[in-house]
Amino acid sequence: QVQLVESGGDSVQSGGSLRLSCAASGFSVDYYAVGWFRQAAAKEGEGIGCFRGFDGSTFFENSVKGRFTISRDAVKNVVYLQMDNLKPEDTSIYYCTTNHLRGCGVVSDTVQYAYRGLGTQVTVSP
């Protein structure tokens, strides 16, 4: 059974950093793709990144490119979203997702993936 659990959300000041974790079970992050999307209050979900497990490639939406990175710990079966130089507009609930497929496709599609966790709140103050 595929399950995803996010953690690491917090309140930080603008310019700060956070690392979110996505603990996966029921599949291997060494083989399948894991995406990240976020949803701010009263807004639609925004796909922000994807990690392609089988070769370690990462893909990002333009608004976070150069500030966010994705990595994994294959032993723990965890995918991390490192967020640096955070801005107030990054304030959202962050979700990790998977379609239980190897490829990432278009980053924006991560919002539509079949499996997601409950999310973790990130708040960035000016």
Protein backbone atom coordinates (compact mmCIF):
# COMPACT_ATOMS: atom_id res chain seq x y z
CA GLN A 1 0.00 0.00 0.00
CA VAL A 2 1.48 3.32 -1.08
CA GLN A 3 1.76 5.87 1.72
CA LEU A 4 3.47 9.24 1.98
CA VAL A 5 4.06 11.25 5.14
CA GLU A 6 5.42 14.78 5.01
CA SER A 7 7.16 16.54 7.88
CA GLY A 8 9.44 19.48 8.53
CA GLY A 9 7.11 22.38 7.95
CA ASP A 10 7.62 25.42 10.15
CA SER A 11 7.45 29.19 10.34
CA VAL A 12 10.55 31.04 9.15
CA GLN A 13 11.55 34.53 8.15
CA SER A 14 12.13 35.61 4.58
CA GLY A 15 15.52 34.43 3.37
CA GLY A 16 15.50 31.43 5.67
CA SER A 17 15.70 27.72 4.85
CA LEU A 18 13.71 24.60 5.61
CA ARG A 19 14.06 20.96 4.72
CA LEU A 20 10.88 18.98 4.25
CA SER A 21 10.86 15.21 4.44
CA CYS A 22 8.61 12.76 2.64
CA ALA A 23 8.68 9.29 4.17
CA ALA A 24 7.48 6.77 1.61
CA SER A 25 6.20 3.24 2.11
CA GLY A 26 4.78 0.67 -0.27
CA PHE A 27 7.25 1.60 -3.02
CA SER A 28 10.91 2.46 -3.44
CA VAL A 29 12.09 6.02 -3.95
CA ASP A 30 15.10 4.45 -5.64
CA TYR A 31 12.92 3.40 -8.55
CA TYR A 32 9.78 5.54 -8.78
CA ALA A 33 9.21 9.27 -9.16
CA VAL A 34 8.18 11.48 -6.25
CA GLY A 35 6.75 14.92 -6.80
CA TRP A 36 6.14 17.95 -4.63
CA PHE A 37 3.34 20.43 -4.96
CA ARG A 38 2.03 23.20 -2.75
CA GLN A 39 -1.28 24.81 -2.15
CA ALA A 40 -1.72 28.24 -0.61
CA ALA A 41 -4.94 29.30 1.05
CA ALA A 42 -7.72 29.99 -1.46
CA LYS A 43 -5.45 29.07 -4.38
CA GLU A 44 -5.09 26.11 -6.68
CA GLY A 45 -2.32 23.61 -6.18
CA GLU A 46 1.01 24.38 -7.85
CA GLY A 47 3.41 21.64 -8.87
CA ILE A 48 6.92 22.68 -7.88
CA GLY A 49 9.25 19.75 -8.38
CA CYS A 50 9.79 16.12 -9.16
CA PHE A 51 12.50 13.58 -8.33
CA ARG A 52 13.02 10.71 -10.72
CA GLY A 53 14.08 7.83 -8.58
CA PHE A 54 15.73 5.54 -11.09
CA ASP A 55 18.36 8.06 -12.19
CA GLY A 56 18.21 10.81 -9.58
CA SER A 57 17.16 13.54 -12.00
CA THR A 58 15.24 16.50 -10.64
CA PHE A 59 12.87 18.95 -12.31
CA PHE A 60 11.53 22.23 -10.96
CA GLU A 61 8.95 24.83 -11.70
CA ASN A 62 10.49 28.21 -12.59
CA SER A 63 9.37 29.99 -9.42
CA VAL A 64 11.53 27.74 -7.22
CA LYS A 65 14.34 26.84 -9.60
CA GLY A 66 17.69 27.73 -8.09
CA ARG A 67 16.25 27.94 -4.56
CA PHE A 68 14.81 24.44 -4.02
CA THR A 69 16.53 21.10 -4.40
CA ILE A 70 15.33 17.51 -4.01
CA SER A 71 17.36 14.60 -2.73
CA ARG A 72 16.72 11.17 -1.26
CA ASP A 73 17.93 8.74 1.34
CA ALA A 74 17.45 5.35 -0.26
CA VAL A 75 18.13 3.48 2.97
CA LYS A 76 15.39 5.36 4.85
CA ASN A 77 13.19 5.55 1.73
CA VAL A 78 12.78 9.29 2.27
CA VAL A 79 12.77 12.14 -0.24
CA TYR A 80 13.77 15.61 0.91
CA LEU A 81 12.79 19.04 -0.36
CA GLN A 82 15.46 21.56 0.60
CA MET A 83 14.11 25.09 0.40
CA ASP A 84 16.53 28.01 0.57
CA ASN A 85 16.06 31.76 0.28
CA LEU A 86 12.41 31.39 1.19
CA LYS A 87 10.01 34.16 0.30
CA PRO A 88 6.60 35.09 1.75
CA GLU A 89 4.98 33.84 -1.46
CA ASP A 90 6.30 30.36 -0.67
CA THR A 91 3.82 30.17 2.22
CA SER A 92 1.69 27.09 1.53
CA ILE A 93 0.87 23.59 2.56
CA TYR A 94 3.44 21.32 0.89
CA TYR A 95 2.58 17.83 -0.29
CA CYS A 96 4.66 15.01 -1.67
CA THR A 97 3.04 12.84 -4.30
CA THR A 98 3.61 9.86 -6.51
CA ASN A 99 1.91 8.23 -9.45
CA HIS A 100 3.84 5.03 -8.78
CA LEU A 101 5.51 5.49 -12.15
CA ARG A 102 9.16 5.90 -13.07
CA GLY A 103 8.84 9.12 -14.99
CA CYS A 104 8.07 12.63 -13.80
CA GLY A 105 6.36 14.08 -16.82
CA VAL A 106 5.49 17.76 -16.56
CA VAL A 107 6.10 19.25 -13.10
CA SER A 108 2.66 20.82 -13.01
CA ASP A 109 1.18 17.33 -13.28
CA THR A 110 2.37 16.48 -9.77
CA VAL A 111 -0.82 18.08 -8.48
CA GLN A 112 -2.77 15.29 -10.21
CA TYR A 113 -0.70 12.33 -9.03
CA ALA A 114 -2.71 9.48 -7.55
CA TYR A 115 -1.10 9.38 -4.10
CA ARG A 116 -0.31 12.19 -1.71
CA GLY A 117 0.36 12.74 1.96
CA LEU A 118 -1.53 14.99 4.34
CA GLY A 119 0.87 17.87 3.81
CA THR A 120 3.00 20.07 6.02
CA GLN A 121 2.56 23.81 6.55
CA VAL A 122 5.30 26.26 5.61
CA THR A 123 4.88 29.88 6.63
CA VAL A 124 7.36 32.55 5.58
CA SER A 125 7.11 35.96 7.21
CA PRO A 126 8.50 39.16 5.63
